[in-house]
Amino acid sequence: MTGRATRRPAILLGALLAAASVLLGWAVHATVPAPDAWALRAVGESRSGPLGTVARVVSTVLSPGLATGVLVLLGALAGVQCLRRRHEAAWLLLRCGLLLGVCWLTVLARYAYRRVRPIDYPQWSYPSGHVTAVGSVAVVAVVLCARLAARQLRTVALLALLAVLVTGVSRVVLRMHWPTDVLGAMLAVGGVGLVAAALLGLLPTRAAPSA
């Protein structure tokens, strides 16, 4: 299968996921659907108990600061590779940094939806900023693993998904976000990440079979 043929399904799937995030955002931006209300009632006041303490630790570690650190690290490593004249490696790292940035920018969609949070807070709710940031790092981790350590791809992908899910749960437990904020962020990052990775040539390709 050629690179172009491999990219097309990824771009189509990514576009569908991104469109789903947009549709979900417009559906919930001015209302609280039943699943969101039920989830917040189930959480109750757990944010003030042991579960809330754990959630705060998770939200501190798995936060937008993580994405910032990874972005700086990718840039620094690219610079080192350039100095060592390893231009192919530097170009890979730079593209991964661009991928992270593009995914992370999806959080700016919150200014279009202007959804109010479950608690009084001076930022809009949809999509979740924490999930967007951690999801962006997760996308880059999976892409780099697929390129450099394919044998570990399943493990890295599962750990990346777990990190995103744990981050999302922590934000709901702290009543900082509705569950649909978390879902919308995952859809947006996954969709934009697939499209961007395909366009940047970061998806693994299969060589065309010889005649």
Protein backbone atom coordinates (compact mmCIF):
# COMPACT_ATOMS: atom_id res chain seq x y z
CA MET A 1 0.00 0.00 0.00
CA THR A 2 1.46 3.38 -0.98
CA GLY A 3 1.83 6.30 1.40
CA ARG A 4 -0.92 8.24 -0.35
CA ALA A 5 -3.32 5.31 -0.12
CA THR A 6 -2.50 4.92 3.57
CA ARG A 7 -3.13 8.58 4.27
CA ARG A 8 -6.60 8.75 2.74
CA PRO A 9 -8.41 6.53 5.30
CA ALA A 10 -6.63 8.34 8.14
CA ILE A 11 -7.66 11.74 6.81
CA LEU A 12 -11.25 10.60 6.33
CA LEU A 13 -11.48 9.10 9.81
CA GLY A 14 -9.83 12.16 11.31
CA ALA A 15 -12.26 14.48 9.56
CA LEU A 16 -15.20 12.43 10.85
CA LEU A 17 -13.89 12.53 14.44
CA ALA A 18 -13.28 16.28 14.25
CA ALA A 19 -16.75 16.83 12.79
CA ALA A 20 -18.24 14.77 15.62
CA SER A 21 -16.48 17.02 18.14
CA VAL A 22 -17.93 20.11 16.45
CA LEU A 23 -21.44 18.67 16.35
CA LEU A 24 -21.23 17.61 19.98
CA GLY A 25 -19.98 21.04 20.98
CA TRP A 26 -22.88 22.84 19.33
CA ALA A 27 -25.34 20.32 20.77
CA VAL A 28 -24.27 20.89 24.38
CA HIS A 29 -22.89 24.45 24.43
CA ALA A 30 -26.07 25.96 25.86
CA THR A 31 -27.53 23.00 27.73
CA VAL A 32 -26.70 20.20 30.14
CA PRO A 33 -27.69 16.83 28.66
CA ALA A 34 -28.93 14.09 30.95
CA PRO A 35 -25.67 12.07 30.96
CA ASP A 36 -23.72 15.14 32.08
CA ALA A 37 -26.20 15.92 34.85
CA TRP A 38 -26.23 12.30 35.99
CA ALA A 39 -22.42 12.11 36.10
CA LEU A 40 -22.11 15.26 38.19
CA ARG A 41 -24.75 13.98 40.62
CA ALA A 42 -22.87 10.69 40.88
CA VAL A 43 -19.65 12.52 41.63
CA GLY A 44 -21.38 14.58 44.30
CA GLU A 45 -18.98 16.24 46.67
CA SER A 46 -16.20 13.68 46.20
CA ARG A 47 -13.89 16.54 45.16
CA SER A 48 -13.50 17.36 48.86
CA GLY A 49 -12.63 13.77 49.85
CA PRO A 50 -9.80 11.32 49.13
CA LEU A 51 -10.92 10.87 45.53
CA GLY A 52 -10.73 14.61 45.06
CA THR A 53 -7.20 14.64 46.45
CA VAL A 54 -6.13 12.01 43.94
CA ALA A 55 -7.89 13.92 41.17
CA ARG A 56 -6.02 17.11 42.06
CA VAL A 57 -2.68 15.29 41.92
CA VAL A 58 -3.58 13.83 38.53
CA SER A 59 -4.69 17.22 37.23
CA THR A 60 -1.43 18.76 38.39
CA VAL A 61 0.81 16.11 36.82
CA LEU A 62 -1.23 15.53 33.67
CA SER A 63 -1.82 19.14 32.80
CA PRO A 64 -1.16 21.69 30.04
CA GLY A 65 2.26 22.11 31.64
CA LEU A 66 3.11 18.61 30.45
CA ALA A 67 2.36 19.57 26.87
CA THR A 68 4.48 22.70 27.21
CA GLY A 69 7.39 20.68 28.55
CA VAL A 70 7.16 18.08 25.79
CA LEU A 71 6.96 20.80 23.14
CA VAL A 72 10.11 22.47 24.49
CA LEU A 73 11.83 19.08 24.74
CA LEU A 74 11.03 18.23 21.11
CA GLY A 75 12.45 21.56 19.99
CA ALA A 76 15.60 21.12 22.05
CA LEU A 77 16.16 17.58 20.80
CA ALA A 78 15.64 18.73 17.22
CA GLY A 79 18.28 21.39 17.75
CA VAL A 80 20.73 18.83 19.12
CA GLN A 81 20.12 16.56 16.14
CA CYS A 82 20.76 19.46 13.78
CA LEU A 83 24.07 20.20 15.48
CA ARG A 84 24.99 16.55 15.04
CA ARG A 85 24.00 16.79 11.37
CA ARG A 86 21.26 14.20 11.86
CA HIS A 87 18.85 16.16 9.76
CA GLU A 88 16.35 13.37 9.22
CA ALA A 89 15.94 12.87 12.98
CA ALA A 90 15.69 16.63 13.51
CA TRP A 91 12.99 16.91 10.85
CA LEU A 92 11.03 14.09 12.49
CA LEU A 93 11.15 15.81 15.87
CA LEU A 94 10.16 19.16 14.39
CA ARG A 95 7.17 17.60 12.65
CA CYS A 96 6.14 15.95 15.90
CA GLY A 97 6.36 19.31 17.63
CA LEU A 98 4.16 20.82 14.95
CA LEU A 99 1.72 17.93 15.35
CA LEU A 100 1.53 18.53 19.08
CA GLY A 101 0.94 22.23 18.58
CA VAL A 102 -1.79 21.74 15.99
CA CYS A 103 -3.62 19.24 18.22
CA TRP A 104 -3.29 21.49 21.24
CA LEU A 105 -4.72 24.47 19.36
CA THR A 106 -8.08 22.71 19.16
CA VAL A 107 -8.71 23.97 22.69
CA LEU A 108 -9.29 27.43 21.22
CA ALA A 109 -12.64 26.15 19.94
CA ARG A 110 -13.98 26.82 23.43
CA TYR A 111 -14.25 30.50 22.51
CA ALA A 112 -16.74 29.55 19.82
CA TYR A 113 -18.87 27.29 22.02
CA ARG A 114 -18.66 29.44 25.18
CA ARG A 115 -20.01 26.68 27.38
CA VAL A 116 -20.32 27.36 31.10
CA ARG A 117 -18.54 25.04 33.53
CA PRO A 118 -20.18 23.00 36.29
CA ILE A 119 -18.66 25.40 38.84
CA ASP A 120 -17.94 29.09 38.73
CA TYR A 121 -14.69 29.46 36.79
CA PRO A 122 -13.43 32.22 34.47
CA GLN A 123 -12.80 29.99 31.42
CA TRP A 124 -15.16 28.25 29.03
CA SER A 125 -15.73 24.54 29.46
CA TYR A 126 -15.86 22.79 26.06
CA PRO A 127 -13.48 21.20 25.19
CA SER A 128 -11.42 20.32 28.25
CA GLY A 129 -8.03 22.03 28.17
CA HIS A 130 -6.34 19.38 30.29
CA VAL A 131 -7.59 16.55 28.10
CA THR A 132 -6.65 18.46 24.96
CA ALA A 133 -3.09 18.98 26.21
CA VAL A 134 -2.56 15.44 27.48
CA GLY A 135 -4.25 14.01 24.39
CA SER A 136 -1.89 15.99 22.18
CA VAL A 137 1.12 14.53 23.99
CA ALA A 138 -0.45 11.07 23.71
CA VAL A 139 -0.83 11.44 19.94
CA VAL A 140 2.81 12.42 19.57
CA ALA A 141 3.94 9.57 21.82
CA VAL A 142 2.06 7.03 19.71
CA VAL A 143 3.36 8.51 16.45
CA LEU A 144 6.97 8.49 17.63
CA CYS A 145 6.63 4.96 18.96
CA ALA A 146 5.19 3.78 15.64
CA ARG A 147 8.17 5.30 13.85
CA LEU A 148 10.96 4.34 16.25
CA ALA A 149 9.83 1.38 18.36
CA ALA A 150 6.96 -0.35 16.59
CA ARG A 151 7.17 -3.42 18.81
CA GLN A 152 6.16 -1.33 21.81
CA LEU A 153 3.31 0.42 19.99
CA ARG A 154 0.47 -1.47 21.66
CA THR A 155 1.84 -0.83 25.15
CA VAL A 156 2.48 2.85 24.47
CA ALA A 157 -0.94 3.30 22.87
CA LEU A 158 -2.67 1.72 25.88
CA LEU A 159 -0.68 3.87 28.32
CA ALA A 160 -1.45 6.99 26.28
CA LEU A 161 -5.16 6.19 26.24
CA LEU A 162 -5.10 5.48 29.98
CA ALA A 163 -3.43 8.83 30.67
CA VAL A 164 -6.11 10.66 28.67
CA LEU A 165 -8.95 8.79 30.38
CA VAL A 166 -7.52 9.33 33.87
CA THR A 167 -7.09 13.02 33.10
CA GLY A 168 -10.69 13.28 31.92
CA VAL A 169 -12.07 11.50 34.99
CA SER A 170 -10.05 13.76 37.28
CA ARG A 171 -11.54 16.87 35.68
CA VAL A 172 -15.08 15.54 36.14
CA VAL A 173 -14.40 14.51 39.75
CA LEU A 174 -13.16 18.04 40.46
CA ARG A 175 -16.34 19.36 38.79
CA MET A 176 -14.19 21.44 36.45
CA HIS A 177 -15.77 19.86 33.36
CA TRP A 178 -18.81 18.03 32.13
CA PRO A 179 -18.14 14.53 30.73
CA THR A 180 -19.03 15.77 27.25
CA ASP A 181 -16.21 18.33 27.54
CA VAL A 182 -13.84 15.41 27.96
CA LEU A 183 -15.37 13.44 25.10
CA GLY A 184 -15.31 16.47 22.82
CA ALA A 185 -11.62 17.07 23.53
CA MET A 186 -10.78 13.45 22.78
CA LEU A 187 -12.68 13.55 19.49
CA ALA A 188 -11.08 16.84 18.44
CA VAL A 189 -7.51 15.84 19.28
CA GLY A 190 -7.91 12.38 17.78
CA GLY A 191 -9.45 13.76 14.60
CA VAL A 192 -7.10 16.67 14.07
CA GLY A 193 -4.18 14.48 15.11
CA LEU A 194 -4.95 11.89 12.44
CA VAL A 195 -5.35 14.49 9.70
CA ALA A 196 -2.24 16.43 10.73
CA ALA A 197 -0.10 13.30 11.13
CA ALA A 198 -1.15 12.13 7.67
CA LEU A 199 -0.42 15.48 6.04
CA LEU A 200 2.93 15.74 7.81
CA GLY A 201 3.94 12.29 6.62
CA LEU A 202 4.15 10.89 10.14
CA LEU A 203 1.95 7.85 9.68
CA PRO A 204 3.72 4.54 9.03
CA THR A 205 3.29 3.26 5.48
CA ARG A 206 3.53 -0.12 3.88
CA ALA A 207 5.71 -0.60 0.90
CA ALA A 208 3.90 -1.56 -2.27
CA PRO A 209 4.26 -5.28 -3.03
CA SER A 210 6.75 -6.12 -5.75
CA ALA A 211 5.47 -7.56 -8.99
